[in-house]
């Protein structure tokens, strides 16, 4: 093999390595871009207050349908607390 052939072979290998590195870098950029887009979508969903309220309401309805007793007990406790506040306010006058 001559000197110029050896140089061409090493030059071709370097070009192929550069292309491989370039495609690896592009693939990494594409993956990072996709991850960023997914993260932004998740943040948008979490910060969308009307959507989150709808989800919370749906969960509450579902929970009440499965077992209404904790909801009824909670409502009773809230009513007693409110009555206590009203009584305290009336007595302090």
PDB file of N, CA and C in Angstrom:
ATOM      1  N   UNK A   1       0.846  -1.166   0.000  1.00  0.00           N
ATOM      2  CA  UNK A   1       0.000   0.000   0.000  1.00  0.00           C
ATOM      3  C   UNK A   1       0.895   1.233   0.000  1.00  0.00           C
ATOM      4  N   UNK A   2       0.562   2.184  -0.815  1.00  0.00           N
ATOM      5  CA  UNK A   2       1.380   3.384  -0.902  1.00  0.00           C
ATOM      6  C   UNK A   2       1.002   4.355   0.196  1.00  0.00           C
ATOM      7  N   UNK A   3       1.830   5.374   0.345  1.00  0.00           N
ATOM      8  CA  UNK A   3       1.612   6.385   1.375  1.00  0.00           C
ATOM      9  C   UNK A   3       0.321   7.160   1.138  1.00  0.00           C
ATOM     10  N   UNK A   4       0.025   7.516  -0.118  1.00  0.00           N
ATOM     11  CA  UNK A   4      -1.179   8.290  -0.431  1.00  0.00           C
ATOM     12  C   UNK A   4      -2.436   7.454  -0.227  1.00  0.00           C
ATOM     13  N   UNK A   5      -2.379   6.162  -0.481  1.00  0.00           N
ATOM     14  CA  UNK A   5      -3.531   5.286  -0.266  1.00  0.00           C
ATOM     15  C   UNK A   5      -3.819   5.174   1.230  1.00  0.00           C
ATOM     16  N   UNK A   6      -2.781   5.060   2.016  1.00  0.00           N
ATOM     17  CA  UNK A   6      -2.943   4.976   3.465  1.00  0.00           C
ATOM     18  C   UNK A   6      -3.554   6.263   4.006  1.00  0.00           C
ATOM     19  N   UNK A   7      -3.109   7.403   3.477  1.00  0.00           N
ATOM     20  CA  UNK A   7      -3.671   8.683   3.913  1.00  0.00           C
ATOM     21  C   UNK A   7      -5.141   8.787   3.534  1.00  0.00           C
ATOM     22  N   UNK A   8      -5.507   8.334   2.325  1.00  0.00           N
ATOM     23  CA  UNK A   8      -6.910   8.373   1.897  1.00  0.00           C
ATOM     24  C   UNK A   8      -7.759   7.474   2.778  1.00  0.00           C
ATOM     25  N   UNK A   9      -7.245   6.287   3.125  1.00  0.00           N
ATOM     26  CA  UNK A   9      -7.991   5.377   3.988  1.00  0.00           C
ATOM     27  C   UNK A   9      -8.219   5.991   5.366  1.00  0.00           C
ATOM     28  N   UNK A  10      -7.209   6.605   5.943  1.00  0.00           N
ATOM     29  CA  UNK A  10      -7.375   7.212   7.266  1.00  0.00           C
ATOM     30  C   UNK A  10      -8.290   8.434   7.175  1.00  0.00           C
ATOM     31  N   UNK A  11      -8.223   9.155   6.049  1.00  0.00           N
ATOM     32  CA  UNK A  11      -9.101  10.301   5.847  1.00  0.00           C
ATOM     33  C   UNK A  11     -10.555   9.852   5.719  1.00  0.00           C
ATOM     34  N   UNK A  12     -10.783   8.744   5.004  1.00  0.00           N
ATOM     35  CA  UNK A  12     -12.137   8.199   4.861  1.00  0.00           C
ATOM     36  C   UNK A  12     -12.677   7.742   6.215  1.00  0.00           C
ATOM     37  N   UNK A  13     -11.826   7.113   7.019  1.00  0.00           N
ATOM     38  CA  UNK A  13     -12.252   6.662   8.352  1.00  0.00           C
ATOM     39  C   UNK A  13     -12.598   7.858   9.235  1.00  0.00           C
ATOM     40  N   UNK A  14     -11.820   8.916   9.127  1.00  0.00           N
ATOM     41  CA  UNK A  14     -12.083  10.126   9.920  1.00  0.00           C
ATOM     42  C   UNK A  14     -13.397  10.765   9.487  1.00  0.00           C
ATOM     43  N   UNK A  15     -13.653  10.809   8.165  1.00  0.00           N
ATOM     44  CA  UNK A  15     -14.918  11.365   7.671  1.00  0.00           C
ATOM     45  C   UNK A  15     -16.098  10.545   8.172  1.00  0.00           C
ATOM     46  N   UNK A  16     -15.961   9.219   8.148  1.00  0.00           N
ATOM     47  CA  UNK A  16     -17.044   8.347   8.623  1.00  0.00           C
ATOM     48  C   UNK A  16     -17.260   8.536  10.119  1.00  0.00           C
ATOM     49  N   UNK A  17     -16.181   8.688  10.864  1.00  0.00           N
ATOM     50  CA  UNK A  17     -16.290   8.915  12.310  1.00  0.00           C
ATOM     51  C   UNK A  17     -16.972  10.245  12.592  1.00  0.00           C
ATOM     52  N   UNK A  18     -16.599  11.280  11.819  1.00  0.00           N
ATOM     53  CA  UNK A  18     -17.242  12.590  11.992  1.00  0.00           C
ATOM     54  C   UNK A  18     -18.727  12.516  11.685  1.00  0.00           C
ATOM     55  N   UNK A  19     -19.094  11.786  10.633  1.00  0.00           N
ATOM     56  CA  UNK A  19     -20.510  11.642  10.277  1.00  0.00           C
ATOM     57  C   UNK A  19     -21.256  10.873  11.358  1.00  0.00           C
ATOM     58  N   UNK A  20     -20.592   9.819  11.889  1.00  0.00           N
ATOM     59  CA  UNK A  20     -21.225   9.044  12.961  1.00  0.00           C
ATOM     60  C   UNK A  20     -21.403   9.916  14.194  1.00  0.00           C
ATOM     61  N   UNK A  21     -20.385  10.696  14.531  1.00  0.00           N
ATOM     62  CA  UNK A  21     -20.496  11.597  15.680  1.00  0.00           C
ATOM     63  C   UNK A  21     -21.600  12.623  15.452  1.00  0.00           C
ATOM     64  N   UNK A  22     -21.676  13.143  14.242  1.00  0.00           N
ATOM     65  CA  UNK A  22     -22.716  14.117  13.917  1.00  0.00           C
ATOM     66  C   UNK A  22     -24.106  13.526  14.034  1.00  0.00           C
ATOM     67  N   UNK A  23     -24.286  12.280  13.574  1.00  0.00           N
ATOM     68  CA  UNK A  23     -25.611  11.662  13.672  1.00  0.00           C
ATOM     69  C   UNK A  23     -25.936  11.316  15.118  1.00  0.00           C
ATOM     70  N   UNK A  24     -24.903  10.941  15.909  1.00  0.00           N
ATOM     71  CA  UNK A  24     -25.129  10.687  17.332  1.00  0.00           C
ATOM     72  C   UNK A  24     -25.556  11.969  18.044  1.00  0.00           C
ATOM     73  N   UNK A  25     -24.890  13.043  17.716  1.00  0.00           N
ATOM     74  CA  UNK A  25     -25.230  14.329  18.319  1.00  0.00           C
ATOM     75  C   UNK A  25     -26.647  14.739  17.939  1.00  0.00           C
ATOM     76  N   UNK A  26     -27.001  14.562  16.670  1.00  0.00           N
ATOM     77  CA  UNK A  26     -28.353  14.924  16.213  1.00  0.00           C
ATOM     78  C   UNK A  26     -29.405  14.059  16.906  1.00  0.00           C
ATOM     79  N   UNK A  27     -29.096  12.757  17.058  1.00  0.00           N
ATOM     80  CA  UNK A  27     -30.031  11.866  17.755  1.00  0.00           C
ATOM     81  C   UNK A  27     -30.197  12.308  19.210  1.00  0.00           C
ATOM     82  N   UNK A  28     -29.107  12.699  19.853  1.00  0.00           N
ATOM     83  CA  UNK A  28     -29.174  13.173  21.234  1.00  0.00           C
ATOM     84  C   UNK A  28     -30.002  14.455  21.324  1.00  0.00           C
ATOM     85  N   UNK A  29     -29.798  15.348  20.386  1.00  0.00           N
ATOM     86  CA  UNK A  29     -30.571  16.598  20.356  1.00  0.00           C
ATOM     87  C   UNK A  29     -32.052  16.293  20.175  1.00  0.00           C
ATOM     88  N   UNK A  30     -32.372  15.367  19.282  1.00  0.00           N
ATOM     89  CA  UNK A  30     -33.773  15.008  19.042  1.00  0.00           C
ATOM     90  C   UNK A  30     -34.407  14.393  20.290  1.00  0.00           C
ATOM     91  N   UNK A  31     -33.659  13.509  20.978  1.00  0.00           N
ATOM     92  CA  UNK A  31     -34.189  12.904  22.208  1.00  0.00           C
ATOM     93  C   UNK A  31     -34.410  13.974  23.277  1.00  0.00           C
ATOM     94  N   UNK A  32     -33.450  14.868  23.415  1.00  0.00           N
ATOM     95  CA  UNK A  32     -33.565  15.929  24.411  1.00  0.00           C
ATOM     96  C   UNK A  32     -34.742  16.840  24.107  1.00  0.00           C
ATOM     97  N   UNK A  33     -34.928  17.159  22.836  1.00  0.00           N
ATOM     98  CA  UNK A  33     -36.049  18.002  22.423  1.00  0.00           C
ATOM     99  C   UNK A  33     -37.385  17.315  22.748  1.00  0.00           C
ATOM    100  N   UNK A  34     -37.470  16.020  22.502  1.00  0.00           N
ATOM    101  CA  UNK A  34     -38.700  15.277  22.791  1.00  0.00           C
ATOM    102  C   UNK A  34     -38.961  15.232  24.294  1.00  0.00           C
ATOM    103  N   UNK A  35     -37.904  15.041  25.095  1.00  0.00           N
ATOM    104  CA  UNK A  35     -38.069  15.025  26.548  1.00  0.00           C
ATOM    105  C   UNK A  35     -38.525  16.394  27.062  1.00  0.00           C
ATOM    106  N   UNK A  36     -37.944  17.438  26.511  1.00  0.00           N
ATOM    107  CA  UNK A  36     -38.339  18.793  26.909  1.00  0.00           C
ATOM    108  C   UNK A  36     -39.796  19.061  26.565  1.00  0.00           C
ATOM    109  N   UNK A  37     -40.223  18.640  25.387  1.00  0.00           N
ATOM    110  CA  UNK A  37     -41.618  18.830  24.983  1.00  0.00           C
ATOM    111  C   UNK A  37     -42.553  18.073  25.922  1.00  0.00           C
ATOM    112  N   UNK A  38     -42.175  16.847  26.297  1.00  0.00           N
ATOM    113  CA  UNK A  38     -43.007  16.064  27.220  1.00  0.00           C
ATOM    114  C   UNK A  38     -43.085  16.741  28.585  1.00  0.00           C
ATOM    115  N   UNK A  39     -41.965  17.253  29.058  1.00  0.00           N
ATOM    116  CA  UNK A  39     -41.937  17.940  30.352  1.00  0.00           C
ATOM    117  C   UNK A  39     -42.802  19.195  30.320  1.00  0.00           C
ATOM    118  N   UNK A  40     -42.717  19.958  29.241  1.00  0.00           N
ATOM    119  CA  UNK A  40     -43.539  21.164  29.123  1.00  0.00           C
ATOM    120  C   UNK A  40     -45.018  20.816  29.074  1.00  0.00           C
ATOM    121  N   UNK A  41     -45.371  19.731  28.398  1.00  0.00           N
ATOM    122  CA  UNK A  41     -46.771  19.304  28.353  1.00  0.00           C
ATOM    123  C   UNK A  41     -47.257  18.917  29.745  1.00  0.00           C
ATOM    124  N   UNK A  42     -46.422  18.213  30.514  1.00  0.00           N
ATOM    125  CA  UNK A  42     -46.801  17.835  31.873  1.00  0.00           C
ATOM    126  C   UNK A  42     -47.003  19.074  32.748  1.00  0.00           C
ATOM    127  N   UNK A  43     -46.099  20.041  32.624  1.00  0.00           N
ATOM    128  CA  UNK A  43     -46.236  21.278  33.401  1.00  0.00           C
ATOM    129  C   UNK A  43     -47.504  22.034  33.019  1.00  0.00           C
ATOM    130  N   UNK A  44     -47.784  22.073  31.728  1.00  0.00           N
ATOM    131  CA  UNK A  44     -48.989  22.760  31.265  1.00  0.00           C
ATOM    132  C   UNK A  44     -50.230  22.104  31.858  1.00  0.00           C
ATOM    133  N   UNK A  45     -50.254  20.773  31.900  1.00  0.00           N
ATOM    134  CA  UNK A  45     -51.395  20.073  32.483  1.00  0.00           C
ATOM    135  C   UNK A  45     -51.523  20.371  33.970  1.00  0.00           C
ATOM    136  N   UNK A  46     -50.400  20.374  34.683  1.00  0.00           N
ATOM    137  CA  UNK A  46     -50.444  20.619  36.125  1.00  0.00           C
ATOM    138  C   UNK A  46     -50.838  22.056  36.462  1.00  0.00           C
ATOM    139  N   UNK A  47     -50.487  22.998  35.604  1.00  0.00           N
ATOM    140  CA  UNK A  47     -50.796  24.401  35.877  1.00  0.00           C
ATOM    141  C   UNK A  47     -52.139  24.851  35.310  1.00  0.00           C
ATOM    142  N   UNK A  48     -52.834  23.974  34.642  1.00  0.00           N
ATOM    143  CA  UNK A  48     -54.141  24.278  34.074  1.00  0.00           C
ATOM    144  C   UNK A  48     -55.184  24.082  35.184  1.00  0.00           C
ATOM    145  N   UNK A  49     -55.498  25.162  35.889  1.00  0.00           N
ATOM    146  CA  UNK A  49     -56.363  25.085  37.074  1.00  0.00           C
ATOM    147  C   UNK A  49     -57.752  24.542  36.756  1.00  0.00           C
ATOM    148  N   UNK A  50     -58.439  25.017  35.719  1.00  0.00           N
ATOM    149  CA  UNK A  50     -59.761  24.453  35.445  1.00  0.00           C
ATOM    150  C   UNK A  50     -59.717  22.938  35.179  1.00  0.00           C
ATOM    151  N   UNK A  51     -58.711  22.501  34.477  1.00  0.00           N
ATOM    152  CA  UNK A  51     -58.578  21.060  34.209  1.00  0.00           C
ATOM    153  C   UNK A  51     -58.337  20.293  35.508  1.00  0.00           C
ATOM    154  N   UNK A  52     -57.462  20.824  36.377  1.00  0.00           N
ATOM    155  CA  UNK A  52     -57.168  20.151  37.632  1.00  0.00           C
ATOM    156  C   UNK A  52     -58.388  20.129  38.554  1.00  0.00           C
ATOM    157  N   UNK A  53     -59.172  21.209  38.543  1.00  0.00           N
ATOM    158  CA  UNK A  53     -60.408  21.219  39.343  1.00  0.00           C
ATOM    159  C   UNK A  53     -61.396  20.177  38.832  1.00  0.00           C
ATOM    160  N   UNK A  54     -61.482  20.049  37.520  1.00  0.00           N
ATOM    161  CA  UNK A  54     -62.354  19.033  36.939  1.00  0.00           C
ATOM    162  C   UNK A  54     -61.926  17.631  37.335  1.00  0.00           C
ATOM    163  N   UNK A  55     -60.635  17.390  37.309  1.00  0.00           N
ATOM    164  CA  UNK A  55     -60.115  16.074  37.708  1.00  0.00           C
ATOM    165  C   UNK A  55     -60.404  15.817  39.186  1.00  0.00           C
ATOM    166  N   UNK A  56     -60.167  16.826  40.035  1.00  0.00           N
ATOM    167  CA  UNK A  56     -60.424  16.672  41.468  1.00  0.00           C
ATOM    168  C   UNK A  56     -61.908  16.422  41.732  1.00  0.00           C
ATOM    169  N   UNK A  57     -62.769  17.141  41.022  1.00  0.00           N
ATOM    170  CA  UNK A  57     -64.217  16.932  41.178  1.00  0.00           C
ATOM    171  C   UNK A  57     -64.636  15.535  40.760  1.00  0.00           C
ATOM    172  N   UNK A  58     -64.052  15.059  39.681  1.00  0.00           N
ATOM    173  CA  UNK A  58     -64.372  13.710  39.202  1.00  0.00           C
ATOM    174  C   UNK A  58     -63.918  12.660  40.225  1.00  0.00           C
ATOM    175  N   UNK A  59     -62.733  12.876  40.800  1.00  0.00           N
ATOM    176  CA  UNK A  59     -62.242  11.945  41.828  1.00  0.00           C
ATOM    177  C   UNK A  59     -63.148  11.967  43.053  1.00  0.00           C
ATOM    178  N   UNK A  60     -63.597  13.161  43.455  1.00  0.00           N
ATOM    179  CA  UNK A  60     -64.464  13.274  44.623  1.00  0.00           C
ATOM    180  C   UNK A  60     -65.793  12.559  44.386  1.00  0.00           C
ATOM    181  N   UNK A  61     -66.365  12.752  43.204  1.00  0.00           N
ATOM    182  CA  UNK A  61     -67.629  12.068  42.883  1.00  0.00           C
ATOM    183  C   UNK A  61     -67.442  10.565  42.894  1.00  0.00           C
ATOM    184  N   UNK A  62     -66.350  10.110  42.338  1.00  0.00           N
ATOM    185  CA  UNK A  62     -66.066   8.680  42.295  1.00  0.00           C
ATOM    186  C   UNK A  62     -65.873   8.130  43.705  1.00  0.00           C
ATOM    187  N   UNK A  63     -65.160   8.883  44.541  1.00  0.00           N
ATOM    188  CA  UNK A  63     -64.936   8.462  45.918  1.00  0.00           C
ATOM    189  C   UNK A  63     -66.247   8.406  46.695  1.00  0.00           C
ATOM    190  N   UNK A  64     -67.098   9.405  46.488  1.00  0.00           N
ATOM    191  CA  UNK A  64     -68.393   9.424  47.170  1.00  0.00           C
ATOM    192  C   UNK A  64     -69.265   8.255  46.719  1.00  0.00           C
ATOM    193  N   UNK A  65     -69.184   7.929  45.432  1.00  0.00           N
ATOM    194  CA  UNK A  65     -69.977   6.810  44.914  1.00  0.00           C
ATOM    195  C   UNK A  65     -69.529   5.487  45.523  1.00  0.00           C
ATOM    196  N   UNK A  66     -68.225   5.343  45.736  1.00  0.00           N
ATOM    197  CA  UNK A  66     -67.714   4.091  46.307  1.00  0.00           C
ATOM    198  C   UNK A  66     -68.072   3.958  47.786  1.00  0.00           C
ATOM    199  N   UNK A  67     -67.906   5.048  48.552  1.00  0.00           N
ATOM    200  CA  UNK A  67     -68.159   4.991  50.000  1.00  0.00           C
ATOM    201  C   UNK A  67     -68.527   6.382  50.503  1.00  0.00           C
ATOM    202  N   UNK A  68     -69.826   6.663  50.673  1.00  0.00           N
ATOM    203  CA  UNK A  68     -70.239   8.008  51.089  1.00  0.00           C
ATOM    204  C   UNK A  68     -70.031   8.301  52.577  1.00  0.00           C
ATOM    205  N   UNK A  69     -69.780   7.292  53.405  1.00  0.00           N
ATOM    206  CA  UNK A  69     -69.685   7.502  54.853  1.00  0.00           C
ATOM    207  C   UNK A  69     -68.627   8.539  55.248  1.00  0.00           C
ATOM    208  N   UNK A  70     -67.392   8.491  54.735  1.00  0.00           N
ATOM    209  CA  UNK A  70     -66.427   9.535  55.127  1.00  0.00           C
ATOM    210  C   UNK A  70     -66.875  10.945  54.718  1.00  0.00           C
ATOM    211  N   UNK A  71     -67.567  11.047  53.610  1.00  0.00           N
ATOM    212  CA  UNK A  71     -68.041  12.350  53.156  1.00  0.00           C
ATOM    213  C   UNK A  71     -69.138  12.878  54.088  1.00  0.00           C
ATOM    214  N   UNK A  72     -70.031  12.002  54.492  1.00  0.00           N
ATOM    215  CA  UNK A  72     -71.109  12.393  55.399  1.00  0.00           C
ATOM    216  C   UNK A  72     -70.524  12.763  56.759  1.00  0.00           C
ATOM    217  N   UNK A  73     -69.556  11.990  57.237  1.00  0.00           N
ATOM    218  CA  UNK A  73     -68.922  12.290  58.520  1.00  0.00           C
ATOM    219  C   UNK A  73     -68.188  13.628  58.440  1.00  0.00           C
ATOM    220  N   UNK A  74     -67.491  13.870  57.343  1.00  0.00           N
ATOM    221  CA  UNK A  74     -66.789  15.143  57.167  1.00  0.00           C
ATOM    222  C   UNK A  74     -67.751  16.317  57.150  1.00  0.00           C
ATOM    223  N   UNK A  75     -68.882  16.132  56.477  1.00  0.00           N
ATOM    224  CA  UNK A  75     -69.887  17.200  56.434  1.00  0.00           C
ATOM    225  C   UNK A  75     -70.442  17.461  57.832  1.00  0.00           C
ATOM    226  N   UNK A  76     -70.626  16.418  58.625  1.00  0.00           N
ATOM    227  CA  UNK A  76     -71.115  16.574  59.997  1.00  0.00           C
ATOM    228  C   UNK A  76     -70.127  17.336  60.864  1.00  0.00           C
ATOM    229  N   UNK A  77     -68.859  16.988  60.723  1.00  0.00           N
ATOM    230  CA  UNK A  77     -67.828  17.677  61.496  1.00  0.00           C
ATOM    231  C   UNK A  77     -67.754  19.152  61.082  1.00  0.00           C
ATOM    232  N   UNK A  78     -67.838  19.413  59.791  1.00  0.00           N
ATOM    233  CA  UNK A  78     -67.801  20.799  59.308  1.00  0.00           C
ATOM    234  C   UNK A  78     -68.997  21.580  59.841  1.00  0.00           C
ATOM    235  N   UNK A  79     -70.185  20.951  59.874  1.00  0.00           N
ATOM    236  CA  UNK A  79     -71.382  21.619  60.392  1.00  0.00           C
ATOM    237  C   UNK A  79     -71.229  21.930  61.879  1.00  0.00           C
ATOM    238  N   UNK A  80     -70.678  20.986  62.643  1.00  0.00           N
ATOM    239  CA  UNK A  80     -70.463  21.232  64.080  1.00  0.00           C
ATOM    240  C   UNK A  80     -69.446  22.361  64.297  1.00  0.00           C
ATOM    241  N   UNK A  81     -68.401  22.389  63.495  1.00  0.00           N
ATOM    242  CA  UNK A  81     -67.399  23.451  63.619  1.00  0.00           C
ATOM    243  C   UNK A  81     -68.011  24.806  63.300  1.00  0.00           C
ATOM    244  N   UNK A  82     -68.812  24.853  62.264  1.00  0.00           N
ATOM    245  CA  UNK A  82     -69.472  26.108  61.894  1.00  0.00           C
ATOM    246  C   UNK A  82     -70.436  26.546  62.993  1.00  0.00           C
ATOM    247  N   UNK A  83     -71.168  25.596  63.556  1.00  0.00           N
ATOM    248  CA  UNK A  83     -72.089  25.931  64.645  1.00  0.00           C
ATOM    249  C   UNK A  83     -71.312  26.474  65.842  1.00  0.00           C
ATOM    250  N   UNK A  84     -70.151  25.888  66.140  1.00  0.00           N
ATOM    251  CA  UNK A  84     -69.321  26.360  67.249  1.00  0.00           C
ATOM    252  C   UNK A  84     -68.835  27.781  67.012  1.00  0.00           C
ATOM    253  N   UNK A  85     -68.445  28.096  65.792  1.00  0.00           N
ATOM    254  CA  UNK A  85     -67.999  29.438  65.461  1.00  0.00           C
ATOM    255  C   UNK A  85     -69.141  30.428  65.622  1.00  0.00           C
ATOM    256  N   UNK A  86     -70.329  30.053  65.157  1.00  0.00           N
ATOM    257  CA  UNK A  86     -71.505  30.942  65.273  1.00  0.00           C
ATOM    258  C   UNK A  86     -71.833  31.173  66.744  1.00  0.00           C
ATOM    259  N   UNK A  87     -71.833  30.114  67.536  1.00  0.00           N
ATOM    260  CA  UNK A  87     -72.137  30.251  68.977  1.00  0.00           C
ATOM    261  C   UNK A  87     -71.101  31.158  69.647  1.00  0.00           C
ATOM    262  N   UNK A  88     -69.843  30.962  69.324  1.00  0.00           N
ATOM    263  CA  UNK A  88     -68.782  31.792  69.916  1.00  0.00           C
ATOM    264  C   UNK A  88     -68.959  33.261  69.515  1.00  0.00           C
ATOM    265  N   UNK A  89     -69.332  33.494  68.265  1.00  0.00           N
ATOM    266  CA  UNK A  89     -69.512  34.870  67.810  1.00  0.00           C
ATOM    267  C   UNK A  89     -70.707  35.523  68.504  1.00  0.00           C
ATOM    268  N   UNK A  90     -71.781  34.772  68.705  1.00  0.00           N
ATOM    269  CA  UNK A  90     -72.967  35.317  69.359  1.00  0.00           C
ATOM    270  C   UNK A  90     -72.678  35.598  70.829  1.00  0.00           C
ATOM    271  N   UNK A  91     -71.952  34.763  71.497  1.00  0.00           N
ATOM    272  CA  UNK A  91     -71.649  34.946  72.928  1.00  0.00           C
ATOM    273  C   UNK A  91     -70.710  36.135  73.156  1.00  0.00           C
ATOM    274  N   UNK A  92     -69.844  36.404  72.180  1.00  0.00           N
ATOM    275  CA  UNK A  92     -68.881  37.470  72.375  1.00  0.00           C
ATOM    276  C   UNK A  92     -69.493  38.868  72.178  1.00  0.00           C
ATOM    277  N   UNK A  93     -70.692  38.934  71.729  1.00  0.00           N
ATOM    278  CA  UNK A  93     -71.357  40.226  71.524  1.00  0.00           C
ATOM    279  C   UNK A  93     -71.909  40.739  72.777  1.00  0.00           C
TER     280      UNK A  93
END
